[in-house]
PDB file of all heavy atoms in Angstrom:
ATOM      1  N   VAL A   1       9.521   6.138  -4.419  1.00  0.00           N
ATOM      2  CA  VAL A   1       9.032   7.422  -3.898  1.00  0.00           C
ATOM      3  C   VAL A   1       8.843   7.335  -2.379  1.00  0.00           C
ATOM      4  O   VAL A   1       9.211   8.255  -1.637  1.00  0.00           O
ATOM      5  CB  VAL A   1       7.715   7.827  -4.590  1.00  0.00           C
ATOM      6  CG1 VAL A   1       6.992   8.921  -3.805  1.00  0.00           C
ATOM      7  CG2 VAL A   1       7.983   8.309  -6.011  1.00  0.00           C
ATOM      8  N   ALA A   2       8.286   6.221  -1.917  1.00  0.00           N
ATOM      9  CA  ALA A   2       8.095   6.039  -0.476  1.00  0.00           C
ATOM     10  C   ALA A   2       9.431   6.057   0.259  1.00  0.00           C
ATOM     11  O   ALA A   2       9.559   6.683   1.326  1.00  0.00           O
ATOM     12  CB  ALA A   2       7.350   4.736  -0.213  1.00  0.00           C
ATOM     13  N   CYS A   3      10.445   5.374  -0.299  1.00  0.00           N
ATOM     14  CA  CYS A   3      11.767   5.378   0.329  1.00  0.00           C
ATOM     15  C   CYS A   3      12.360   6.791   0.334  1.00  0.00           C
ATOM     16  O   CYS A   3      12.972   7.215   1.333  1.00  0.00           O
ATOM     17  CB  CYS A   3      12.702   4.422  -0.402  1.00  0.00           C
ATOM     18  SG  CYS A   3      12.333   2.659  -0.171  1.00  0.00           S
ATOM     19  N   ALA A   4      12.180   7.523  -0.760  1.00  0.00           N
ATOM     20  CA  ALA A   4      12.698   8.891  -0.834  1.00  0.00           C
ATOM     21  C   ALA A   4      12.019   9.781   0.208  1.00  0.00           C
ATOM     22  O   ALA A   4      12.664  10.625   0.849  1.00  0.00           O
ATOM     23  CB  ALA A   4      12.478   9.460  -2.237  1.00  0.00           C
ATOM     24  N   PHE A   5      10.710   9.598   0.392  1.00  0.00           N
ATOM     25  CA  PHE A   5       9.986  10.365   1.402  1.00  0.00           C
ATOM     26  C   PHE A   5      10.497  10.052   2.805  1.00  0.00           C
ATOM     27  O   PHE A   5      10.714  10.962   3.622  1.00  0.00           O
ATOM     28  CB  PHE A   5       8.484  10.070   1.300  1.00  0.00           C
ATOM     29  CG  PHE A   5       7.688  10.576   2.477  1.00  0.00           C
ATOM     30  CD1 PHE A   5       7.523  11.931   2.676  1.00  0.00           C
ATOM     31  CD2 PHE A   5       7.107   9.680   3.360  1.00  0.00           C
ATOM     32  CE1 PHE A   5       6.785  12.403   3.759  1.00  0.00           C
ATOM     33  CE2 PHE A   5       6.374  10.134   4.438  1.00  0.00           C
ATOM     34  CZ  PHE A   5       6.205  11.499   4.650  1.00  0.00           C
ATOM     35  N   VAL A   6      10.725   8.783   3.080  1.00  0.00           N
ATOM     36  CA  VAL A   6      11.238   8.382   4.402  1.00  0.00           C
ATOM     37  C   VAL A   6      12.595   9.023   4.657  1.00  0.00           C
ATOM     38  O   VAL A   6      12.887   9.510   5.758  1.00  0.00           O
ATOM     39  CB  VAL A   6      11.305   6.843   4.512  1.00  0.00           C
ATOM     40  CG1 VAL A   6      12.039   6.414   5.782  1.00  0.00           C
ATOM     41  CG2 VAL A   6       9.895   6.252   4.503  1.00  0.00           C
ATOM     42  N   ARG A   7      13.445   9.060   3.653  1.00  0.00           N
ATOM     43  CA  ARG A   7      14.742   9.728   3.813  1.00  0.00           C
ATOM     44  C   ARG A   7      14.561  11.235   3.999  1.00  0.00           C
ATOM     45  O   ARG A   7      15.300  11.875   4.764  1.00  0.00           O
ATOM     46  CB  ARG A   7      15.643   9.472   2.603  1.00  0.00           C
ATOM     47  CG  ARG A   7      16.218   8.096   2.544  1.00  0.00           C
ATOM     48  CD  ARG A   7      17.093   7.769   3.764  1.00  0.00           C
ATOM     49  NE  ARG A   7      18.180   8.720   3.921  1.00  0.00           N
ATOM     50  CZ  ARG A   7      18.514   9.305   5.086  1.00  0.00           C
ATOM     51  NH1 ARG A   7      17.836   9.054   6.196  1.00  0.00           N
ATOM     52  NH2 ARG A   7      19.521  10.147   5.153  1.00  0.00           N
ATOM     53  N   GLN A   8      13.585  11.815   3.312  1.00  0.00           N
ATOM     54  CA  GLN A   8      13.353  13.255   3.415  1.00  0.00           C
ATOM     55  C   GLN A   8      12.996  13.648   4.849  1.00  0.00           C
ATOM     56  O   GLN A   8      13.361  14.744   5.300  1.00  0.00           O
ATOM     57  CB  GLN A   8      12.237  13.675   2.456  1.00  0.00           C
ATOM     58  CG  GLN A   8      12.063  15.188   2.351  1.00  0.00           C
ATOM     59  CD  GLN A   8      10.898  15.585   1.461  1.00  0.00           C
ATOM     60  OE1 GLN A   8      10.331  14.754   0.741  1.00  0.00           O
ATOM     61  NE2 GLN A   8      10.522  16.855   1.497  1.00  0.00           N
ATOM     62  N   ILE A   9      12.303  12.766   5.570  1.00  0.00           N
ATOM     63  CA  ILE A   9      11.968  13.074   6.962  1.00  0.00           C
ATOM     64  C   ILE A   9      12.996  12.504   7.929  1.00  0.00           C
ATOM     65  O   ILE A   9      12.743  12.381   9.135  1.00  0.00           O
ATOM     66  CB  ILE A   9      10.546  12.580   7.321  1.00  0.00           C
ATOM     67  CG1 ILE A   9      10.406  11.070   7.116  1.00  0.00           C
ATOM     68  CG2 ILE A   9       9.499  13.341   6.512  1.00  0.00           C
ATOM     69  CD1 ILE A   9       9.094  10.497   7.622  1.00  0.00           C
ATOM     70  N   ASP A  10      14.164  12.171   7.385  1.00  0.00           N
ATOM     71  CA  ASP A  10      15.326  11.772   8.200  1.00  0.00           C
ATOM     72  C   ASP A  10      15.103  10.476   8.980  1.00  0.00           C
ATOM     73  O   ASP A  10      15.520  10.336  10.121  1.00  0.00           O
ATOM     74  CB  ASP A  10      15.711  12.891   9.167  1.00  0.00           C
ATOM     75  CG  ASP A  10      17.167  12.793   9.620  1.00  0.00           C
ATOM     76  OD1 ASP A  10      17.984  12.236   8.866  1.00  0.00           O
ATOM     77  OD2 ASP A  10      17.483  13.266  10.731  1.00  0.00           O
ATOM     78  N   LYS A  11      14.436   9.529   8.331  1.00  0.00           N
ATOM     79  CA  LYS A  11      14.306   8.188   8.870  1.00  0.00           C
ATOM     80  C   LYS A  11      15.023   7.212   7.930  1.00  0.00           C
ATOM     81  O   LYS A  11      15.439   7.577   6.828  1.00  0.00           O
ATOM     82  CB  LYS A  11      12.834   7.807   9.005  1.00  0.00           C
ATOM     83  CG  LYS A  11      12.042   8.648   9.985  1.00  0.00           C
ATOM     84  CD  LYS A  11      12.426   8.394  11.424  1.00  0.00           C
ATOM     85  CE  LYS A  11      11.543   9.139  12.409  1.00  0.00           C
ATOM     86  NZ  LYS A  11      11.966   8.943  13.815  1.00  0.00           N
ATOM     87  N   LEU A  12      15.164   5.966   8.385  1.00  0.00           N
ATOM     88  CA  LEU A  12      15.870   4.938   7.620  1.00  0.00           C
ATOM     89  C   LEU A  12      14.852   4.000   6.977  1.00  0.00           C
ATOM     90  O   LEU A  12      14.152   3.268   7.691  1.00  0.00           O
ATOM     91  CB  LEU A  12      16.805   4.140   8.526  1.00  0.00           C
ATOM     92  CG  LEU A  12      17.901   4.947   9.238  1.00  0.00           C
ATOM     93  CD1 LEU A  12      18.639   4.047  10.233  1.00  0.00           C
ATOM     94  CD2 LEU A  12      18.867   5.542   8.237  1.00  0.00           C
ATOM     95  N   PRO A  13      14.741   3.995   5.650  1.00  0.00           N
ATOM     96  CA  PRO A  13      13.771   3.103   5.002  1.00  0.00           C
ATOM     97  C   PRO A  13      14.308   1.677   4.837  1.00  0.00           C
ATOM     98  O   PRO A  13      15.455   1.482   4.443  1.00  0.00           O
ATOM     99  CB  PRO A  13      13.566   3.762   3.632  1.00  0.00           C
ATOM    100  CG  PRO A  13      14.843   4.498   3.354  1.00  0.00           C
ATOM    101  CD  PRO A  13      15.417   4.883   4.686  1.00  0.00           C
ATOM    102  N   LEU A  14      13.479   0.702   5.155  1.00  0.00           N
ATOM    103  CA  LEU A  14      13.830  -0.704   4.933  1.00  0.00           C
ATOM    104  C   LEU A  14      12.738  -1.335   4.071  1.00  0.00           C
ATOM    105  O   LEU A  14      11.611  -1.541   4.543  1.00  0.00           O
ATOM    106  CB  LEU A  14      13.933  -1.463   6.259  1.00  0.00           C
ATOM    107  CG  LEU A  14      14.169  -2.970   6.101  1.00  0.00           C
ATOM    108  CD1 LEU A  14      15.556  -3.242   5.537  1.00  0.00           C
ATOM    109  CD2 LEU A  14      13.976  -3.688   7.442  1.00  0.00           C
ATOM    110  N   PRO A  15      13.034  -1.644   2.810  1.00  0.00           N
ATOM    111  CA  PRO A  15      12.036  -2.308   1.981  1.00  0.00           C
ATOM    112  C   PRO A  15      11.750  -3.723   2.475  1.00  0.00           C
ATOM    113  O   PRO A  15      12.680  -4.505   2.708  1.00  0.00           O
ATOM    114  CB  PRO A  15      12.700  -2.330   0.585  1.00  0.00           C
ATOM    115  CG  PRO A  15      13.758  -1.272   0.641  1.00  0.00           C
ATOM    116  CD  PRO A  15      14.249  -1.280   2.051  1.00  0.00           C
ATOM    117  N   VAL A  16      10.471  -4.053   2.664  1.00  0.00           N
ATOM    118  CA  VAL A  16      10.055  -5.388   3.106  1.00  0.00           C
ATOM    119  C   VAL A  16       8.864  -5.838   2.274  1.00  0.00           C
ATOM    120  O   VAL A  16       8.168  -5.032   1.659  1.00  0.00           O
ATOM    121  CB  VAL A  16       9.678  -5.393   4.605  1.00  0.00           C
ATOM    122  CG1 VAL A  16      10.858  -5.047   5.473  1.00  0.00           C
ATOM    123  CG2 VAL A  16       8.503  -4.472   4.892  1.00  0.00           C
ATOM    124  N   ARG A  17       8.633  -7.138   2.256  1.00  0.00           N
ATOM    125  CA  ARG A  17       7.470  -7.684   1.580  1.00  0.00           C
ATOM    126  C   ARG A  17       6.236  -7.561   2.451  1.00  0.00           C
ATOM    127  O   ARG A  17       6.329  -7.427   3.678  1.00  0.00           O
ATOM    128  CB  ARG A  17       7.713  -9.148   1.229  1.00  0.00           C
ATOM    129  CG  ARG A  17       8.538  -9.375  -0.033  1.00  0.00           C
ATOM    130  CD  ARG A  17       8.644 -10.868  -0.344  1.00  0.00           C
ATOM    131  NE  ARG A  17       7.349 -11.527  -0.248  1.00  0.00           N
ATOM    132  CZ  ARG A  17       7.155 -12.746   0.238  1.00  0.00           C
ATOM    133  NH1 ARG A  17       8.196 -13.443   0.676  1.00  0.00           N
ATOM    134  NH2 ARG A  17       5.958 -13.288   0.261  1.00  0.00           N
ATOM    135  N   SER A  18       5.082  -7.652   1.838  1.00  0.00           N
ATOM    136  CA  SER A  18       3.826  -7.598   2.564  1.00  0.00           C
ATOM    137  C   SER A  18       3.500  -8.983   3.129  1.00  0.00           C
ATOM    138  O   SER A  18       3.226  -9.921   2.390  1.00  0.00           O
ATOM    139  CB  SER A  18       2.694  -7.147   1.629  1.00  0.00           C
ATOM    140  OG  SER A  18       1.445  -7.200   2.279  1.00  0.00           O
ATOM    141  N   ALA A  19       3.577  -9.098   4.448  1.00  0.00           N
ATOM    142  CA  ALA A  19       3.235 -10.331   5.155  1.00  0.00           C
ATOM    143  C   ALA A  19       2.986  -9.946   6.600  1.00  0.00           C
ATOM    144  O   ALA A  19       3.485  -8.917   7.063  1.00  0.00           O
ATOM    145  CB  ALA A  19       4.374 -11.354   5.043  1.00  0.00           C
ATOM    146  N   PRO A  20       2.220 -10.736   7.350  1.00  0.00           N
ATOM    147  CA  PRO A  20       1.880 -10.355   8.719  1.00  0.00           C
ATOM    148  C   PRO A  20       3.115 -10.023   9.562  1.00  0.00           C
ATOM    149  O   PRO A  20       4.051 -10.817   9.660  1.00  0.00           O
ATOM    150  CB  PRO A  20       1.167 -11.613   9.257  1.00  0.00           C
ATOM    151  CG  PRO A  20       0.577 -12.235   8.041  1.00  0.00           C
ATOM    152  CD  PRO A  20       1.568 -11.982   6.942  1.00  0.00           C
ATOM    153  N   GLY A  21       3.107  -8.834  10.181  1.00  0.00           N
ATOM    154  CA  GLY A  21       4.197  -8.416  11.053  1.00  0.00           C
ATOM    155  C   GLY A  21       5.405  -7.871  10.325  1.00  0.00           C
ATOM    156  O   GLY A  21       6.316  -7.367  10.962  1.00  0.00           O
ATOM    157  N   PHE A  22       5.412  -8.011   8.984  1.00  0.00           N
ATOM    158  CA  PHE A  22       6.577  -7.577   8.184  1.00  0.00           C
ATOM    159  C   PHE A  22       7.842  -8.175   8.802  1.00  0.00           C
ATOM    160  O   PHE A  22       7.869  -9.386   9.050  1.00  0.00           O
ATOM    161  CB  PHE A  22       6.618  -6.049   8.084  1.00  0.00           C
ATOM    162  CG  PHE A  22       5.297  -5.443   7.690  1.00  0.00           C
ATOM    163  CD1 PHE A  22       4.726  -4.409   8.411  1.00  0.00           C
ATOM    164  CD2 PHE A  22       4.590  -5.955   6.614  1.00  0.00           C
ATOM    165  CE1 PHE A  22       3.493  -3.883   8.070  1.00  0.00           C
ATOM    166  CE2 PHE A  22       3.345  -5.428   6.246  1.00  0.00           C
ATOM    167  CZ  PHE A  22       2.818  -4.392   6.984  1.00  0.00           C
ATOM    168  N   LEU A  23       8.885  -7.376   9.050  1.00  0.00           N
ATOM    169  CA  LEU A  23      10.097  -7.933   9.659  1.00  0.00           C
ATOM    170  C   LEU A  23      10.097  -7.736  11.168  1.00  0.00           C
ATOM    171  O   LEU A  23      10.155  -8.703  11.943  1.00  0.00           O
ATOM    172  CB  LEU A  23      11.352  -7.289   9.057  1.00  0.00           C
ATOM    173  CG  LEU A  23      12.662  -7.697   9.744  1.00  0.00           C
ATOM    174  CD1 LEU A  23      13.016  -9.161   9.437  1.00  0.00           C
ATOM    175  CD2 LEU A  23      13.814  -6.785   9.339  1.00  0.00           C
ATOM    176  N   VAL A  24      10.014  -6.484  11.605  1.00  0.00           N
ATOM    177  CA  VAL A  24      10.308  -6.168  13.004  1.00  0.00           C
ATOM    178  C   VAL A  24       9.295  -6.792  13.961  1.00  0.00           C
ATOM    179  O   VAL A  24       9.673  -7.480  14.925  1.00  0.00           O
ATOM    180  CB  VAL A  24      10.379  -4.636  13.195  1.00  0.00           C
ATOM    181  CG1 VAL A  24      10.490  -4.281  14.681  1.00  0.00           C
ATOM    182  CG2 VAL A  24      11.574  -4.073  12.420  1.00  0.00           C
ATOM    183  N   ASN A  25       8.009  -6.569  13.737  1.00  0.00           N
ATOM    184  CA  ASN A  25       7.017  -7.157  14.640  1.00  0.00           C
ATOM    185  C   ASN A  25       7.019  -8.673  14.573  1.00  0.00           C
ATOM    186  O   ASN A  25       6.754  -9.358  15.579  1.00  0.00           O
ATOM    187  CB  ASN A  25       5.618  -6.624  14.311  1.00  0.00           C
ATOM    188  CG  ASN A  25       5.436  -5.188  14.750  1.00  0.00           C
ATOM    189  OD1 ASN A  25       6.227  -4.663  15.539  1.00  0.00           O
ATOM    190  ND2 ASN A  25       4.402  -4.528  14.258  1.00  0.00           N
ATOM    191  N   ALA A  26       7.344  -9.203  13.407  1.00  0.00           N
ATOM    192  CA  ALA A  26       7.360 -10.672  13.263  1.00  0.00           C
ATOM    193  C   ALA A  26       8.475 -11.309  14.072  1.00  0.00           C
ATOM    194  O   ALA A  26       8.319 -12.438  14.547  1.00  0.00           O
ATOM    195  CB  ALA A  26       7.506 -11.030  11.791  1.00  0.00           C
ATOM    196  N   VAL A  27       9.612 -10.608  14.239  1.00  0.00           N
ATOM    197  CA  VAL A  27      10.698 -11.206  15.036  1.00  0.00           C
ATOM    198  C   VAL A  27      10.520 -10.917  16.517  1.00  0.00           C
ATOM    199  O   VAL A  27      10.997 -11.687  17.365  1.00  0.00           O
ATOM    200  CB  VAL A  27      12.090 -10.723  14.563  1.00  0.00           C
ATOM    201  CG1 VAL A  27      12.272 -11.001  13.082  1.00  0.00           C
ATOM    202  CG2 VAL A  27      12.344  -9.252  14.869  1.00  0.00           C
TER     203      VAL A  27
END
């Protein structure tokens, strides 16, 4: 549902695990 909502507002959803910084901030 969260991914569908993100697409509805014309953004790109990227599923990630819960961990500090996730993907983007962590890199």
